Amino acid sequence: MKRIPNILSLSRFPLSVLLLFLARKPFWFVVVYVITGLTDVFDGWLARKFHWDSELGAKIDGFADIAFMLCLLGVVFGVLGKILLPQIEPYVVVGVAVLALLKLVNLFYTKMKFKQWSTMHTLANKYTALPFYVLIPLFVVFTYAIPAWLNLTLLVLLCIVFVANLEETLILTLAEEYDTDTKSLWHLRKQGIPVEVEAAKEDVTV
């Protein structure tokens, strides 16, 4: 039973690849897309609910998320690229490229500093993932007629996600030990307060 969260996370790899083959079939794409998203919701929920979480599970979940996003980029810029790219504003393409670069920087930074391949599950990353998750399939649904508001909405969301990932960069820079479940920069700072207070008490006692 403890392996269920990991199995759900692992299932996200083949499901993500399947999306590449369903890009020209909007209905089935959305069905598989929703199922893929639900595996991301329930793997974490089950792990926390029944205390089935593990360091391995966190890593699998992180890489499954990366695979999911890479396959979505493959759908938008690869499989449907000839149709979608002429309709997507250049600033959106640049925004996607910059965000992808920052994610790679964080991934390699984690490996260099903490000797492991992993991604952080900060609150900002989680909360920005939901609107991004809702927005992406609309590019498949509106393949032949991308509305202007969709381009603008995606740009705004990319900026917000960029800030969320920049926070992750700062956490990686300031943290002495790696914790994939660090909620935010504020929580990281708060974690250091009890240590300082305890040290101050010891000084007074002496």
Foldseek 3Di string as FASTA:
>chain_A
DLCVLVVLLVVLQVLLLVLLVCLQPLVVNVVSLVSSVVSLVPSVVVCVVVVSDDPVSQASNQVSVVSNVVSLCCSQCNSLNVQRVVVADPLLVVLVVVQVVLVVVLQVLCCVQAVDGGAADAQLQVVLVVVVSVLSSVCSVCRNHDDPVSNVVSSVSSVSNSVVSVQSVVCSVPDPHDDRHQHGPVSRVVVCVVVVVVVVVVVVVD
